[in-house]
Amino acid sequence: MSSAAINREVILTVMGFGVAMILFGVVLLVSWGQNPFYIVAGFFLLVLGMAAFVTPLSIFSRWDSFPVPKVRCRHCATLNYETTARCRNCGANMFERAAPLS
């Protein structure tokens, strides 16, 4: 099993646990008439459930896509990232023009 599949399963598990905590917190808040402590416990579970639901989205989704090499070096034709200043193969400056072939 690939690491991407494991991360996706972990994300869905944590988000499902967050939804369950949100629902349980709402049930406790609705039934506050039986015990005043249910208000505190329900609010705590509601906030904790929201945090558990949102956290995987904000942590894992940022690093899912890596930059794709899009620029070729003018000296050796190696693909490099758009933001690199020097070629990763030959070390040439990516922003200067290559010498004319005459």
N, C-alpha and C. Protein backbone atom coordinates (compact mmCIF):
# COMPACT_ATOMS: atom_id res chain seq x y z
N MET A 1 0.84 -1.18 0.00
CA MET A 1 0.00 0.00 0.00
C MET A 1 0.89 1.24 0.00
N SER A 2 0.56 2.18 -0.86
CA SER A 2 1.40 3.38 -0.98
C SER A 2 1.17 4.32 0.19
N SER A 3 2.13 5.21 0.40
CA SER A 3 2.01 6.16 1.50
C SER A 3 0.88 7.14 1.27
N ALA A 4 0.57 7.45 0.01
CA ALA A 4 -0.55 8.35 -0.28
C ALA A 4 -1.87 7.73 0.15
N ALA A 5 -2.01 6.41 -0.07
CA ALA A 5 -3.23 5.74 0.34
C ALA A 5 -3.34 5.69 1.86
N ILE A 6 -2.22 5.48 2.53
CA ILE A 6 -2.24 5.46 4.00
C ILE A 6 -2.60 6.84 4.53
N ASN A 7 -2.03 7.87 3.96
CA ASN A 7 -2.35 9.23 4.40
C ASN A 7 -3.82 9.54 4.16
N ARG A 8 -4.36 9.11 3.06
CA ARG A 8 -5.77 9.36 2.76
C ARG A 8 -6.66 8.63 3.75
N GLU A 9 -6.27 7.39 4.12
CA GLU A 9 -7.06 6.63 5.10
C GLU A 9 -6.98 7.30 6.47
N VAL A 10 -5.81 7.78 6.83
CA VAL A 10 -5.65 8.46 8.12
C VAL A 10 -6.48 9.74 8.13
N ILE A 11 -6.45 10.47 7.05
CA ILE A 11 -7.22 11.72 6.95
C ILE A 11 -8.70 11.43 7.12
N LEU A 12 -9.20 10.43 6.40
CA LEU A 12 -10.62 10.11 6.49
C LEU A 12 -11.00 9.59 7.86
N THR A 13 -10.12 8.84 8.51
CA THR A 13 -10.41 8.34 9.85
C THR A 13 -10.49 9.48 10.85
N VAL A 14 -9.54 10.39 10.81
CA VAL A 14 -9.55 11.51 11.75
C VAL A 14 -10.75 12.42 11.49
N MET A 15 -11.08 12.64 10.22
CA MET A 15 -12.24 13.47 9.91
C MET A 15 -13.54 12.79 10.34
N GLY A 16 -13.64 11.48 10.17
CA GLY A 16 -14.82 10.75 10.64
C GLY A 16 -14.96 10.80 12.15
N PHE A 17 -13.84 10.68 12.83
CA PHE A 17 -13.85 10.80 14.29
C PHE A 17 -14.29 12.21 14.71
N GLY A 18 -13.86 13.22 13.95
CA GLY A 18 -14.27 14.59 14.23
C GLY A 18 -15.77 14.77 14.06
N VAL A 19 -16.33 14.19 12.99
CA VAL A 19 -17.78 14.29 12.77
C VAL A 19 -18.53 13.59 13.90
N ALA A 20 -18.04 12.43 14.33
CA ALA A 20 -18.70 11.71 15.43
C ALA A 20 -18.66 12.55 16.72
N MET A 21 -17.54 13.21 16.98
CA MET A 21 -17.45 14.06 18.17
C MET A 21 -18.37 15.26 18.06
N ILE A 22 -18.50 15.84 16.88
CA ILE A 22 -19.42 16.96 16.68
C ILE A 22 -20.85 16.51 16.95
N LEU A 23 -21.24 15.37 16.40
CA LEU A 23 -22.60 14.88 16.61
C LEU A 23 -22.87 14.57 18.08
N PHE A 24 -21.92 13.95 18.75
CA PHE A 24 -22.09 13.64 20.17
C PHE A 24 -22.16 14.93 20.99
N GLY A 25 -21.37 15.93 20.62
CA GLY A 25 -21.42 17.22 21.30
C GLY A 25 -22.76 17.90 21.13
N VAL A 26 -23.34 17.81 19.92
CA VAL A 26 -24.66 18.39 19.67
C VAL A 26 -25.73 17.67 20.49
N VAL A 27 -25.62 16.35 20.57
CA VAL A 27 -26.58 15.58 21.38
C VAL A 27 -26.49 16.01 22.85
N LEU A 28 -25.29 16.19 23.35
CA LEU A 28 -25.14 16.64 24.74
C LEU A 28 -25.69 18.04 24.93
N LEU A 29 -25.47 18.92 23.97
CA LEU A 29 -25.98 20.29 24.10
C LEU A 29 -27.51 20.32 24.06
N VAL A 30 -28.11 19.47 23.24
CA VAL A 30 -29.56 19.44 23.15
C VAL A 30 -30.19 18.90 24.43
N SER A 31 -29.52 17.95 25.06
CA SER A 31 -30.08 17.34 26.27
C SER A 31 -29.53 17.99 27.55
N TRP A 32 -29.28 19.28 27.53
CA TRP A 32 -28.70 19.97 28.68
C TRP A 32 -29.68 20.05 29.84
N GLY A 33 -30.95 19.86 29.61
CA GLY A 33 -31.95 19.95 30.69
C GLY A 33 -31.81 18.83 31.70
N GLN A 34 -31.24 17.71 31.30
CA GLN A 34 -31.08 16.59 32.22
C GLN A 34 -29.95 16.83 33.21
N ASN A 35 -28.88 17.45 32.76
CA ASN A 35 -27.72 17.66 33.62
C ASN A 35 -27.00 18.91 33.11
N PRO A 36 -26.78 19.91 33.95
CA PRO A 36 -26.09 21.13 33.49
C PRO A 36 -24.65 20.88 33.00
N PHE A 37 -24.04 19.81 33.45
CA PHE A 37 -22.68 19.49 33.01
C PHE A 37 -22.65 19.18 31.51
N TYR A 38 -23.79 18.78 30.93
CA TYR A 38 -23.85 18.44 29.52
C TYR A 38 -23.53 19.65 28.64
N ILE A 39 -23.82 20.85 29.14
CA ILE A 39 -23.50 22.06 28.35
C ILE A 39 -22.00 22.19 28.17
N VAL A 40 -21.26 22.04 29.26
CA VAL A 40 -19.79 22.16 29.21
C VAL A 40 -19.20 21.03 28.37
N ALA A 41 -19.63 19.80 28.64
CA ALA A 41 -19.09 18.65 27.90
C ALA A 41 -19.46 18.73 26.42
N GLY A 42 -20.69 19.14 26.13
CA GLY A 42 -21.13 19.23 24.74
C GLY A 42 -20.37 20.30 23.98
N PHE A 43 -20.16 21.46 24.60
CA PHE A 43 -19.40 22.52 23.94
C PHE A 43 -17.95 22.08 23.72
N PHE A 44 -17.36 21.43 24.72
CA PHE A 44 -15.98 20.95 24.59
C PHE A 44 -15.87 19.95 23.45
N LEU A 45 -16.80 18.99 23.37
CA LEU A 45 -16.74 18.00 22.29
C LEU A 45 -17.03 18.62 20.94
N LEU A 46 -17.89 19.63 20.91
CA LEU A 46 -18.18 20.31 19.65
C LEU A 46 -16.93 21.01 19.11
N VAL A 47 -16.24 21.73 19.96
CA VAL A 47 -15.03 22.43 19.53
C VAL A 47 -13.92 21.44 19.17
N LEU A 48 -13.75 20.40 19.98
CA LEU A 48 -12.73 19.39 19.70
C LEU A 48 -13.04 18.64 18.40
N GLY A 49 -14.32 18.36 18.16
CA GLY A 49 -14.71 17.70 16.92
C GLY A 49 -14.44 18.56 15.70
N MET A 50 -14.71 19.86 15.83
CA MET A 50 -14.42 20.77 14.71
C MET A 50 -12.92 20.82 14.42
N ALA A 51 -12.13 20.84 15.48
CA ALA A 51 -10.68 20.85 15.29
C ALA A 51 -10.21 19.55 14.64
N ALA A 52 -10.77 18.42 15.08
CA ALA A 52 -10.38 17.13 14.50
C ALA A 52 -10.83 17.01 13.06
N PHE A 53 -11.92 17.68 12.70
CA PHE A 53 -12.42 17.61 11.33
C PHE A 53 -11.60 18.49 10.39
N VAL A 54 -11.17 19.65 10.86
CA VAL A 54 -10.50 20.63 9.99
C VAL A 54 -8.99 20.40 9.92
N THR A 55 -8.38 19.91 10.98
CA THR A 55 -6.92 19.77 11.03
C THR A 55 -6.33 18.93 9.90
N PRO A 56 -6.88 17.76 9.57
CA PRO A 56 -6.27 17.00 8.45
C PRO A 56 -6.33 17.74 7.13
N LEU A 57 -7.37 18.52 6.92
CA LEU A 57 -7.47 19.27 5.68
C LEU A 57 -6.37 20.31 5.58
N SER A 58 -6.08 20.98 6.68
CA SER A 58 -5.09 22.06 6.63
C SER A 58 -3.66 21.54 6.67
N ILE A 59 -3.42 20.41 7.29
CA ILE A 59 -2.04 19.91 7.41
C ILE A 59 -1.62 19.12 6.17
N PHE A 60 -2.40 18.13 5.78
CA PHE A 60 -1.96 17.23 4.72
C PHE A 60 -2.15 17.79 3.33
N SER A 61 -3.15 18.61 3.11
CA SER A 61 -3.43 19.05 1.76
C SER A 61 -2.40 20.04 1.23
N ARG A 62 -1.68 20.72 2.10
CA ARG A 62 -0.68 21.69 1.64
C ARG A 62 0.47 21.02 0.92
N TRP A 63 0.84 19.83 1.34
CA TRP A 63 2.05 19.20 0.81
C TRP A 63 1.74 18.07 -0.16
N ASP A 64 0.48 17.97 -0.61
CA ASP A 64 0.13 16.89 -1.52
C ASP A 64 0.75 17.07 -2.90
N SER A 65 0.77 18.28 -3.41
CA SER A 65 1.28 18.49 -4.76
C SER A 65 2.64 19.18 -4.71
N PHE A 66 3.58 18.58 -5.39
CA PHE A 66 4.92 19.14 -5.46
C PHE A 66 5.05 19.96 -6.74
N PRO A 67 5.96 20.91 -6.79
CA PRO A 67 6.13 21.67 -8.02
C PRO A 67 6.63 20.77 -9.15
N VAL A 68 6.14 21.04 -10.33
CA VAL A 68 6.48 20.23 -11.49
C VAL A 68 7.57 20.95 -12.28
N PRO A 69 8.64 20.24 -12.70
CA PRO A 69 9.66 20.90 -13.52
C PRO A 69 9.06 21.37 -14.82
N LYS A 70 9.27 22.65 -15.14
CA LYS A 70 8.64 23.21 -16.33
C LYS A 70 9.62 23.94 -17.25
N VAL A 71 10.82 24.24 -16.79
CA VAL A 71 11.75 25.05 -17.57
C VAL A 71 12.96 24.20 -17.95
N ARG A 72 13.34 24.26 -19.22
CA ARG A 72 14.53 23.53 -19.67
C ARG A 72 15.76 24.43 -19.59
N CYS A 73 16.86 23.84 -19.19
CA CYS A 73 18.14 24.56 -19.18
C CYS A 73 18.55 24.82 -20.63
N ARG A 74 19.07 26.01 -20.91
CA ARG A 74 19.46 26.36 -22.28
C ARG A 74 20.80 25.71 -22.67
N HIS A 75 21.52 25.21 -21.66
CA HIS A 75 22.84 24.60 -21.95
C HIS A 75 22.75 23.09 -22.12
N CYS A 76 22.02 22.40 -21.22
CA CYS A 76 22.01 20.94 -21.26
C CYS A 76 20.61 20.35 -21.46
N ALA A 77 19.58 21.18 -21.51
CA ALA A 77 18.19 20.78 -21.77
C ALA A 77 17.59 19.92 -20.65
N THR A 78 18.12 20.05 -19.43
CA THR A 78 17.54 19.34 -18.28
C THR A 78 16.33 20.11 -17.77
N LEU A 79 15.28 19.38 -17.39
CA LEU A 79 14.10 20.03 -16.82
C LEU A 79 14.42 20.49 -15.41
N ASN A 80 14.06 21.74 -15.09
CA ASN A 80 14.29 22.33 -13.78
C ASN A 80 13.00 22.99 -13.29
N TYR A 81 12.93 23.23 -11.99
CA TYR A 81 11.78 23.94 -11.43
C TYR A 81 11.81 25.39 -11.89
N GLU A 82 10.62 26.00 -11.93
CA GLU A 82 10.53 27.39 -12.38
C GLU A 82 11.30 28.34 -11.48
N THR A 83 11.43 28.02 -10.21
CA THR A 83 12.00 28.94 -9.24
C THR A 83 13.50 28.78 -9.05
N THR A 84 14.13 27.81 -9.72
CA THR A 84 15.57 27.61 -9.51
C THR A 84 16.38 28.66 -10.25
N ALA A 85 17.47 29.06 -9.64
CA ALA A 85 18.36 30.04 -10.25
C ALA A 85 19.44 29.37 -11.10
N ARG A 86 19.82 28.14 -10.72
CA ARG A 86 20.85 27.41 -11.45
C ARG A 86 20.34 26.03 -11.83
N CYS A 87 20.84 25.50 -12.92
CA CYS A 87 20.46 24.17 -13.39
C CYS A 87 20.94 23.11 -12.41
N ARG A 88 20.11 22.13 -12.15
CA ARG A 88 20.51 21.09 -11.20
C ARG A 88 21.46 20.07 -11.81
N ASN A 89 21.61 20.07 -13.14
CA ASN A 89 22.52 19.14 -13.79
C ASN A 89 23.89 19.77 -14.06
N CYS A 90 23.90 20.91 -14.76
CA CYS A 90 25.18 21.51 -15.16
C CYS A 90 25.55 22.74 -14.33
N GLY A 91 24.63 23.28 -13.55
CA GLY A 91 24.92 24.43 -12.70
C GLY A 91 24.90 25.76 -13.40
N ALA A 92 24.44 25.79 -14.65
CA ALA A 92 24.41 27.04 -15.41
C ALA A 92 23.32 27.96 -14.86
N ASN A 93 23.54 29.25 -15.02
CA ASN A 93 22.54 30.23 -14.60
C ASN A 93 21.32 30.09 -15.50
N MET A 94 20.13 29.97 -14.90
CA MET A 94 18.92 29.76 -15.68
C MET A 94 18.41 31.03 -16.35
N PHE A 95 18.93 32.19 -15.93
CA PHE A 95 18.39 33.44 -16.44
C PHE A 95 19.26 34.10 -17.51
N GLU A 96 20.40 33.54 -17.80
CA GLU A 96 21.23 34.12 -18.87
C GLU A 96 21.04 33.33 -20.14
N ARG A 97 21.22 34.00 -21.23
CA ARG A 97 21.06 33.32 -22.53
C ARG A 97 22.28 32.48 -22.85
N ALA A 98 22.04 31.41 -23.57
CA ALA A 98 23.15 30.57 -24.00
C ALA A 98 23.92 31.27 -25.11
N ALA A 99 25.18 30.93 -25.24
CA ALA A 99 26.01 31.52 -26.29
C ALA A 99 25.47 31.06 -27.66
N PRO A 100 25.45 31.96 -28.63
CA PRO A 100 24.98 31.57 -29.96
C PRO A 100 25.89 30.50 -30.57
N LEU A 101 25.30 29.64 -31.35
CA LEU A 101 26.06 28.55 -31.98
C LEU A 101 26.86 29.02 -33.17
N SER A 102 26.73 30.23 -33.60
CA SER A 102 27.39 30.92 -34.73
C SER A 102 27.08 30.36 -36.05
